PDB file of N, CA and C in Angstrom:
ATOM      1  N   MET A   1       0.687  -1.314   0.011  1.00  0.00           N
ATOM      2  CA  MET A   1       0.168   0.066   0.201  1.00  0.00           C
ATOM      3  C   MET A   1       0.614   1.198  -0.155  1.00  0.00           C
ATOM      4  N   LYS A   2       0.772   2.172  -1.063  1.00  0.00           N
ATOM      5  CA  LYS A   2       0.855   3.405  -0.972  1.00  0.00           C
ATOM      6  C   LYS A   2       0.443   4.921  -0.679  1.00  0.00           C
ATOM      7  N   ILE A   3       0.675   5.735   0.494  1.00  0.00           N
ATOM      8  CA  ILE A   3       0.262   6.352   0.923  1.00  0.00           C
ATOM      9  C   ILE A   3       0.821   7.671   0.178  1.00  0.00           C
ATOM     10  N   ASN A   4       0.370   8.679  -0.359  1.00  0.00           N
ATOM     11  CA  ASN A   4       1.121  10.330  -0.751  1.00  0.00           C
ATOM     12  C   ASN A   4       2.655   9.989  -1.298  1.00  0.00           C
ATOM     13  N   SER A   5       2.968   9.184  -2.117  1.00  0.00           N
ATOM     14  CA  SER A   5       4.657   9.408  -2.069  1.00  0.00           C
ATOM     15  C   SER A   5       5.408  10.432  -2.689  1.00  0.00           C
ATOM     16  N   ILE A   6       6.033  11.027  -1.707  1.00  0.00           N
ATOM     17  CA  ILE A   6       6.618  12.593  -2.346  1.00  0.00           C
ATOM     18  C   ILE A   6       8.461  12.145  -2.845  1.00  0.00           C
ATOM     19  N   PRO A   7       8.391  12.790  -3.972  1.00  0.00           N
ATOM     20  CA  PRO A   7       9.771  12.584  -4.335  1.00  0.00           C
ATOM     21  C   PRO A   7      10.742  12.948  -3.462  1.00  0.00           C
ATOM     22  N   PRO A   8      11.934  12.723  -3.474  1.00  0.00           N
ATOM     23  CA  PRO A   8      13.078  12.835  -2.455  1.00  0.00           C
ATOM     24  C   PRO A   8      13.751  14.200  -2.541  1.00  0.00           C
ATOM     25  N   LYS A   9      13.885  14.934  -3.891  1.00  0.00           N
ATOM     26  CA  LYS A   9      14.282  16.475  -4.077  1.00  0.00           C
ATOM     27  C   LYS A   9      12.852  16.958  -3.391  1.00  0.00           C
ATOM     28  N   GLU A  10      11.967  17.010  -3.699  1.00  0.00           N
ATOM     29  CA  GLU A  10      10.742  17.856  -3.106  1.00  0.00           C
ATOM     30  C   GLU A  10      10.552  17.957  -1.667  1.00  0.00           C
ATOM     31  N   LEU A  11      11.178  16.542  -0.574  1.00  0.00           N
ATOM     32  CA  LEU A  11      11.487  16.404   0.043  1.00  0.00           C
ATOM     33  C   LEU A  11      11.877  17.546   0.618  1.00  0.00           C
ATOM     34  N   ILE A  12      13.378  17.258   0.128  1.00  0.00           N
ATOM     35  CA  ILE A  12      14.633  17.702   0.970  1.00  0.00           C
ATOM     36  C   ILE A  12      14.413  19.568   0.787  1.00  0.00           C
ATOM     37  N   SER A  13      13.779  19.971  -0.399  1.00  0.00           N
ATOM     38  CA  SER A  13      13.424  21.057  -0.494  1.00  0.00           C
ATOM     39  C   SER A  13      12.631  21.311   0.410  1.00  0.00           C
ATOM     40  N   GLN A  14      11.588  21.048   0.621  1.00  0.00           N
ATOM     41  CA  GLN A  14      10.507  20.853   1.917  1.00  0.00           C
ATOM     42  C   GLN A  14      11.331  21.634   3.207  1.00  0.00           C
ATOM     43  N   TYR A  15      12.236  20.344   3.225  1.00  0.00           N
ATOM     44  CA  TYR A  15      12.822  20.069   4.601  1.00  0.00           C
ATOM     45  C   TYR A  15      13.938  21.762   4.545  1.00  0.00           C
ATOM     46  N   ILE A  16      14.424  21.988   3.773  1.00  0.00           N
ATOM     47  CA  ILE A  16      15.329  23.025   3.821  1.00  0.00           C
ATOM     48  C   ILE A  16      14.519  24.253   4.179  1.00  0.00           C
ATOM     49  N   HIS A  17      13.598  24.507   3.266  1.00  0.00           N
ATOM     50  CA  HIS A  17      12.315  25.744   3.226  1.00  0.00           C
ATOM     51  C   HIS A  17      12.575  25.598   4.643  1.00  0.00           C
ATOM     52  N   VAL A  18      11.969  25.129   4.967  1.00  0.00           N
ATOM     53  CA  VAL A  18      11.276  24.830   6.466  1.00  0.00           C
ATOM     54  C   VAL A  18      12.507  25.144   7.756  1.00  0.00           C
ATOM     55  N   ARG A  19      13.184  24.580   7.502  1.00  0.00           N
ATOM     56  CA  ARG A  19      14.319  24.825   8.561  1.00  0.00           C
ATOM     57  C   ARG A  19      15.202  25.946   8.783  1.00  0.00           C
ATOM     58  N   GLU A  20      14.930  26.735   7.104  1.00  0.00           N
ATOM     59  CA  GLU A  20      15.637  28.576   7.247  1.00  0.00           C
ATOM     60  C   GLU A  20      14.830  29.160   7.586  1.00  0.00           C
ATOM     61  N   LYS A  21      13.417  29.104   7.523  1.00  0.00           N
ATOM     62  CA  LYS A  21      12.349  29.957   8.080  1.00  0.00           C
ATOM     63  C   LYS A  21      12.248  29.494   9.901  1.00  0.00           C
ATOM     64  N   THR A  22      12.334  28.589   9.990  1.00  0.00           N
ATOM     65  CA  THR A  22      12.368  28.286  11.347  1.00  0.00           C
ATOM     66  C   THR A  22      14.357  29.100  12.063  1.00  0.00           C
ATOM     67  N   VAL A  23      14.703  28.656  11.291  1.00  0.00           N
ATOM     68  CA  VAL A  23      16.204  29.413  12.171  1.00  0.00           C
ATOM     69  C   VAL A  23      15.977  30.982  12.455  1.00  0.00           C
ATOM     70  N   LEU A  24      15.541  31.439  11.127  1.00  0.00           N
ATOM     71  CA  LEU A  24      15.374  32.949  10.654  1.00  0.00           C
ATOM     72  C   LEU A  24      14.407  33.072  12.267  1.00  0.00           C
ATOM     73  N   GLU A  25      13.440  32.906  12.636  1.00  0.00           N
ATOM     74  CA  GLU A  25      12.884  33.235  13.394  1.00  0.00           C
ATOM     75  C   GLU A  25      13.140  32.642  15.008  1.00  0.00           C
ATOM     76  N   SER A  26      13.632  32.412  15.210  1.00  0.00           N
ATOM     77  CA  SER A  26      14.354  32.131  16.495  1.00  0.00           C
ATOM     78  C   SER A  26      15.590  32.633  16.516  1.00  0.00           C
ATOM     79  N   GLN A  27      16.108  32.990  15.674  1.00  0.00           N
ATOM     80  CA  GLN A  27      17.584  33.841  16.129  1.00  0.00           C
ATOM     81  C   GLN A  27      17.396  34.912  16.559  1.00  0.00           C
ATOM     82  N   GLU A  28      18.023  35.057  18.262  1.00  0.00           N
ATOM     83  CA  GLU A  28      18.279  35.830  19.233  1.00  0.00           C
ATOM     84  C   GLU A  28      19.156  36.989  18.963  1.00  0.00           C
ATOM     85  N   PRO A  29      19.571  38.176  19.423  1.00  0.00           N
ATOM     86  CA  PRO A  29      20.908  38.325  19.216  1.00  0.00           C
ATOM     87  C   PRO A  29      21.928  37.788  20.620  1.00  0.00           C
ATOM     88  N   ALA A  30      23.204  37.610  19.311  1.00  0.00           N
ATOM     89  CA  ALA A  30      23.903  36.690  20.676  1.00  0.00           C
ATOM     90  C   ALA A  30      24.625  37.403  21.762  1.00  0.00           C
ATOM     91  N   THR A  31      24.939  36.916  22.822  1.00  0.00           N
ATOM     92  CA  THR A  31      25.753  37.501  23.592  1.00  0.00           C
ATOM     93  C   THR A  31      26.399  36.697  24.878  1.00  0.00           C
ATOM     94  N   ASP A  32      27.359  36.860  24.964  1.00  0.00           N
ATOM     95  CA  ASP A  32      28.329  36.257  25.223  1.00  0.00           C
ATOM     96  C   ASP A  32      28.308  36.532  26.973  1.00  0.00           C
ATOM     97  N   LYS A  33      28.619  35.180  27.660  1.00  0.00           N
ATOM     98  CA  LYS A  33      28.352  35.666  29.200  1.00  0.00           C
ATOM     99  C   LYS A  33      28.983  34.365  30.188  1.00  0.00           C
ATOM    100  N   ALA A  34      30.669  34.880  30.718  1.00  0.00           N
ATOM    101  CA  ALA A  34      31.473  34.117  31.559  1.00  0.00           C
ATOM    102  C   ALA A  34      30.768  33.738  33.011  1.00  0.00           C
ATOM    103  N   GLU A  35      31.042  32.795  33.404  1.00  0.00           N
ATOM    104  CA  GLU A  35      30.799  33.258  35.202  1.00  0.00           C
ATOM    105  C   GLU A  35      31.723  32.197  35.690  1.00  0.00           C
ATOM    106  N   LEU A  36      32.252  32.143  36.894  1.00  0.00           N
ATOM    107  CA  LEU A  36      33.319  31.668  37.453  1.00  0.00           C
ATOM    108  C   LEU A  36      33.055  31.000  38.528  1.00  0.00           C
ATOM    109  N   THR A  37      33.932  29.250  38.428  1.00  0.00           N
ATOM    110  CA  THR A  37      33.108  29.193  39.614  1.00  0.00           C
ATOM    111  C   THR A  37      33.181  29.392  41.018  1.00  0.00           C
ATOM    112  N   SER A  38      33.315  29.171  42.615  1.00  0.00           N
ATOM    113  CA  SER A  38      33.559  29.731  43.253  1.00  0.00           C
ATOM    114  C   SER A  38      35.102  29.033  43.438  1.00  0.00           C
ATOM    115  N   GLU A  39      35.394  27.282  43.159  1.00  0.00           N
ATOM    116  CA  GLU A  39      36.643  27.329  43.774  1.00  0.00           C
ATOM    117  C   GLU A  39      37.456  28.138  42.480  1.00  0.00           C
ATOM    118  N   ALA A  40      37.127  28.607  40.794  1.00  0.00           N
ATOM    119  CA  ALA A  40      38.122  29.519  40.484  1.00  0.00           C
ATOM    120  C   ALA A  40      37.716  30.545  41.193  1.00  0.00           C
ATOM    121  N   LYS A  41      37.499  31.228  42.247  1.00  0.00           N
ATOM    122  CA  LYS A  41      37.365  32.464  42.400  1.00  0.00           C
ATOM    123  C   LYS A  41      38.224  32.463  43.603  1.00  0.00           C
ATOM    124  N   THR A  42      38.287  31.407  44.416  1.00  0.00           N
ATOM    125  CA  THR A  42      39.094  30.811  45.551  1.00  0.00           C
ATOM    126  C   THR A  42      40.853  30.781  44.830  1.00  0.00           C
ATOM    127  N   PHE A  43      40.429  29.999  43.566  1.00  0.00           N
ATOM    128  CA  PHE A  43      42.169  29.698  43.033  1.00  0.00           C
ATOM    129  C   PHE A  43      42.349  31.337  43.044  1.00  0.00           C
ATOM    130  N   SER A  44      41.940  32.054  41.879  1.00  0.00           N
ATOM    131  CA  SER A  44      42.393  33.440  41.631  1.00  0.00           C
ATOM    132  C   SER A  44      42.702  34.278  42.572  1.00  0.00           C
ATOM    133  N   ALA A  45      41.849  34.422  44.258  1.00  0.00           N
ATOM    134  CA  ALA A  45      42.807  35.171  45.239  1.00  0.00           C
ATOM    135  C   ALA A  45      44.202  34.420  45.808  1.00  0.00           C
ATOM    136  N   ALA A  46      43.944  33.158  46.093  1.00  0.00           N
ATOM    137  CA  ALA A  46      45.160  32.358  46.283  1.00  0.00           C
ATOM    138  C   ALA A  46      46.437  32.896  45.464  1.00  0.00           C
ATOM    139  N   LEU A  47      46.138  33.034  44.306  1.00  0.00           N
ATOM    140  CA  LEU A  47      47.095  33.380  43.261  1.00  0.00           C
ATOM    141  C   LEU A  47      47.692  35.052  43.731  1.00  0.00           C
ATOM    142  N   LYS A  48      46.701  35.768  43.480  1.00  0.00           N
ATOM    143  CA  LYS A  48      46.515  36.939  43.739  1.00  0.00           C
ATOM    144  C   LYS A  48      47.699  37.087  45.082  1.00  0.00           C
ATOM    145  N   ALA A  49      47.706  36.805  46.357  1.00  0.00           N
ATOM    146  CA  ALA A  49      48.339  36.621  47.417  1.00  0.00           C
ATOM    147  C   ALA A  49      49.223  36.061  47.323  1.00  0.00           C
ATOM    148  N   ALA A  50      49.646  34.689  46.778  1.00  0.00           N
ATOM    149  CA  ALA A  50      50.934  34.080  46.376  1.00  0.00           C
ATOM    150  C   ALA A  50      52.205  35.556  45.691  1.00  0.00           C
ATOM    151  N   LYS A  51      51.226  36.200  45.153  1.00  0.00           N
ATOM    152  CA  LYS A  51      51.720  36.552  44.077  1.00  0.00           C
ATOM    153  C   LYS A  51      52.627  38.549  44.873  1.00  0.00           C
ATOM    154  N   GLU A  52      51.764  38.618  45.671  1.00  0.00           N
ATOM    155  CA  GLU A  52      51.635  39.966  46.736  1.00  0.00           C
ATOM    156  C   GLU A  52      53.288  39.462  47.595  1.00  0.00           C
ATOM    157  N   ALA A  53      52.695  38.101  47.970  1.00  0.00           N
ATOM    158  CA  ALA A  53      53.966  37.770  48.644  1.00  0.00           C
ATOM    159  C   ALA A  53      54.962  37.591  48.448  1.00  0.00           C
ATOM    160  N   MET A  54      55.327  37.384  47.372  1.00  0.00           N
ATOM    161  CA  MET A  54      56.738  37.186  46.375  1.00  0.00           C
ATOM    162  C   MET A  54      57.375  38.651  45.728  1.00  0.00           C
ATOM    163  N   GLU A  55      56.642  39.620  46.356  1.00  0.00           N
ATOM    164  CA  GLU A  55      57.375  41.060  46.003  1.00  0.00           C
ATOM    165  C   GLU A  55      57.985  41.428  46.797  1.00  0.00           C
ATOM    166  N   ARG A  56      58.989  41.670  45.898  1.00  0.00           N
ATOM    167  CA  ARG A  56      60.604  42.055  46.279  1.00  0.00           C
ATOM    168  C   ARG A  56      60.675  43.560  47.223  1.00  0.00           C
ATOM    169  N   THR A  57      61.462  43.692  48.207  1.00  0.00           N
ATOM    170  CA  THR A  57      61.571  45.089  48.641  1.00  0.00           C
ATOM    171  C   THR A  57      62.842  45.575  48.327  1.00  0.00           C
ATOM    172  N   PRO A  58      62.724  46.907  47.684  1.00  0.00           N
ATOM    173  CA  PRO A  58      64.281  47.315  47.381  1.00  0.00           C
ATOM    174  C   PRO A  58      65.780  47.466  47.947  1.00  0.00           C
ATOM    175  N   GLU A  59      65.148  46.716  49.352  1.00  0.00           N
ATOM    176  CA  GLU A  59      66.151  46.122  50.034  1.00  0.00           C
ATOM    177  C   GLU A  59      66.800  44.972  49.320  1.00  0.00           C
ATOM    178  N   GLU A  60      65.837  44.450  49.363  1.00  0.00           N
ATOM    179  CA  GLU A  60      66.046  42.342  48.850  1.00  0.00           C
ATOM    180  C   GLU A  60      66.709  42.904  47.685  1.00  0.00           C
ATOM    181  N   LEU A  61      65.830  42.992  46.765  1.00  0.00           N
ATOM    182  CA  LEU A  61      66.428  43.355  45.367  1.00  0.00           C
ATOM    183  C   LEU A  61      68.240  43.634  45.418  1.00  0.00           C
ATOM    184  N   GLU A  62      68.575  44.531  46.144  1.00  0.00           N
ATOM    185  CA  GLU A  62      69.966  44.788  46.314  1.00  0.00           C
ATOM    186  C   GLU A  62      70.540  43.596  46.804  1.00  0.00           C
ATOM    187  N   HIS A  63      70.141  42.895  48.161  1.00  0.00           N
ATOM    188  CA  HIS A  63      71.190  42.275  48.475  1.00  0.00           C
ATOM    189  C   HIS A  63      70.785  40.817  47.405  1.00  0.00           C
ATOM    190  N   ILE A  64      69.895  40.505  46.393  1.00  0.00           N
ATOM    191  CA  ILE A  64      70.192  39.341  45.492  1.00  0.00           C
ATOM    192  C   ILE A  64      71.037  39.770  44.764  1.00  0.00           C
ATOM    193  N   SER A  65      71.073  41.160  44.617  1.00  0.00           N
ATOM    194  CA  SER A  65      71.940  42.024  43.401  1.00  0.00           C
ATOM    195  C   SER A  65      73.832  41.833  43.707  1.00  0.00           C
ATOM    196  N   LYS A  66      74.037  41.765  44.676  1.00  0.00           N
ATOM    197  CA  LYS A  66      74.936  42.082  45.316  1.00  0.00           C
ATOM    198  C   LYS A  66      75.004  40.189  45.418  1.00  0.00           C
ATOM    199  N   VAL A  67      74.825  39.405  46.083  1.00  0.00           N
ATOM    200  CA  VAL A  67      75.068  38.048  46.217  1.00  0.00           C
ATOM    201  C   VAL A  67      75.332  37.520  44.611  1.00  0.00           C
ATOM    202  N   ALA A  68      74.429  37.899  43.889  1.00  0.00           N
ATOM    203  CA  ALA A  68      74.825  37.284  42.606  1.00  0.00           C
ATOM    204  C   ALA A  68      76.311  38.028  41.732  1.00  0.00           C
ATOM    205  N   ASN A  69      76.203  39.167  42.142  1.00  0.00           N
ATOM    206  CA  ASN A  69      77.632  39.666  41.405  1.00  0.00           C
ATOM    207  C   ASN A  69      78.767  38.865  42.012  1.00  0.00           C
ATOM    208  N   GLN A  70      78.468  38.798  43.584  1.00  0.00           N
ATOM    209  CA  GLN A  70      79.842  37.959  43.813  1.00  0.00           C
ATOM    210  C   GLN A  70      79.910  36.460  43.480  1.00  0.00           C
ATOM    211  N   VAL A  71      78.542  36.006  43.552  1.00  0.00           N
ATOM    212  CA  VAL A  71      79.073  34.506  42.981  1.00  0.00           C
ATOM    213  C   VAL A  71      79.299  34.675  41.637  1.00  0.00           C
ATOM    214  N   GLU A  72      78.686  35.292  40.694  1.00  0.00           N
ATOM    215  CA  GLU A  72      79.760  35.403  39.126  1.00  0.00           C
ATOM    216  C   GLU A  72      81.242  35.551  39.437  1.00  0.00           C
ATOM    217  N   ASN A  73      81.333  36.451  40.132  1.00  0.00           N
ATOM    218  CA  ASN A  73      83.079  36.569  40.272  1.00  0.00           C
ATOM    219  C   ASN A  73      83.884  35.886  41.627  1.00  0.00           C
ATOM    220  N   ASN A  74      83.196  34.615  41.909  1.00  0.00           N
ATOM    221  CA  ASN A  74      83.996  34.048  42.604  1.00  0.00           C
ATOM    222  C   ASN A  74      84.333  34.033  43.519  1.00  0.00           C
ATOM    223  N   ALA A  75      83.785  35.287  44.314  1.00  0.00           N
ATOM    224  CA  ALA A  75      83.951  35.629  45.336  1.00  0.00           C
ATOM    225  C   ALA A  75      83.184  35.672  46.799  1.00  0.00           C
ATOM    226  N   TYR A  76      81.687  34.490  46.510  1.00  0.00           N
ATOM    227  CA  TYR A  76      80.897  34.087  47.285  1.00  0.00           C
ATOM    228  C   TYR A  76      81.321  33.333  48.320  1.00  0.00           C
ATOM    229  N   SER A  77      81.417  33.353  49.506  1.00  0.00           N
ATOM    230  CA  SER A  77      81.571  32.158  50.210  1.00  0.00           C
ATOM    231  C   SER A  77      80.899  32.119  51.465  1.00  0.00           C
ATOM    232  N   VAL A  78      80.800  30.507  51.895  1.00  0.00           N
ATOM    233  CA  VAL A  78      80.282  30.592  53.291  1.00  0.00           C
ATOM    234  C   VAL A  78      80.515  29.549  54.280  1.00  0.00           C
ATOM    235  N   SER A  79      80.555  30.254  55.385  1.00  0.00           N
ATOM    236  CA  SER A  79      81.470  28.742  55.948  1.00  0.00           C
ATOM    237  C   SER A  79      80.270  27.261  56.265  1.00  0.00           C
ATOM    238  N   GLY A  80      81.064  26.613  56.517  1.00  0.00           N
ATOM    239  CA  GLY A  80      80.553  25.272  56.650  1.00  0.00           C
ATOM    240  C   GLY A  80      80.281  25.369  57.812  1.00  0.00           C
ATOM    241  N   GLU A  81      79.940  25.992  59.068  1.00  0.00           N
ATOM    242  CA  GLU A  81      79.475  26.044  60.329  1.00  0.00           C
ATOM    243  C   GLU A  81      77.890  27.178  59.827  1.00  0.00           C
ATOM    244  N   GLU A  82      78.134  28.138  59.286  1.00  0.00           N
ATOM    245  CA  GLU A  82      76.351  28.882  58.920  1.00  0.00           C
ATOM    246  C   GLU A  82      75.592  27.687  58.255  1.00  0.00           C
ATOM    247  N   VAL A  83      76.296  27.011  57.253  1.00  0.00           N
ATOM    248  CA  VAL A  83      75.721  25.674  56.552  1.00  0.00           C
ATOM    249  C   VAL A  83      74.622  25.115  57.372  1.00  0.00           C
ATOM    250  N   ALA A  84      75.642  24.782  58.121  1.00  0.00           N
ATOM    251  CA  ALA A  84      75.105  23.710  59.542  1.00  0.00           C
ATOM    252  C   ALA A  84      73.860  24.280  59.796  1.00  0.00           C
ATOM    253  N   LYS A  85      74.468  25.816  60.807  1.00  0.00           N
ATOM    254  CA  LYS A  85      73.168  26.167  61.548  1.00  0.00           C
ATOM    255  C   LYS A  85      71.442  26.189  60.579  1.00  0.00           C
ATOM    256  N   LYS A  86      72.236  26.504  59.497  1.00  0.00           N
ATOM    257  CA  LYS A  86      71.030  26.998  58.465  1.00  0.00           C
ATOM    258  C   LYS A  86      70.188  25.554  58.372  1.00  0.00           C
ATOM    259  N   ILE A  87      70.484  24.224  58.244  1.00  0.00           N
ATOM    260  CA  ILE A  87      70.463  23.024  58.113  1.00  0.00           C
ATOM    261  C   ILE A  87      69.361  22.885  59.400  1.00  0.00           C
ATOM    262  N   LEU A  88      70.056  23.053  60.420  1.00  0.00           N
ATOM    263  CA  LEU A  88      69.223  22.431  61.825  1.00  0.00           C
ATOM    264  C   LEU A  88      68.552  23.481  61.974  1.00  0.00           C
ATOM    265  N   GLY A  89      68.045  24.916  61.747  1.00  0.00           N
ATOM    266  CA  GLY A  89      66.818  25.842  61.880  1.00  0.00           C
ATOM    267  C   GLY A  89      67.613  26.845  62.785  1.00  0.00           C
ATOM    268  N   GLU A  90      68.582  26.691  62.958  1.00  0.00           N
ATOM    269  CA  GLU A  90      68.864  27.879  63.941  1.00  0.00           C
ATOM    270  C   GLU A  90      69.271  29.576  63.682  1.00  0.00           C
TER     271      GLU A  90
END
């Protein structure tokens, strides 16, 4: 039994026409929206705090520069006694 047979070309053209009409009617202005999870907010705050804690004062930067120059010139030396004290936490 055959009921209203529609040729494939006509069927496809009808589908495309209906689909285009539906897409055009349903289009809304595109807006982007981003939300951070609470974990991401916590991580961001922790990262900011860590960066702030790592900032060096001018005095620290000067000391680091002096030690770096001494190391480059093979003039930097630390006694074994001082190393031992640091290892023992004194």
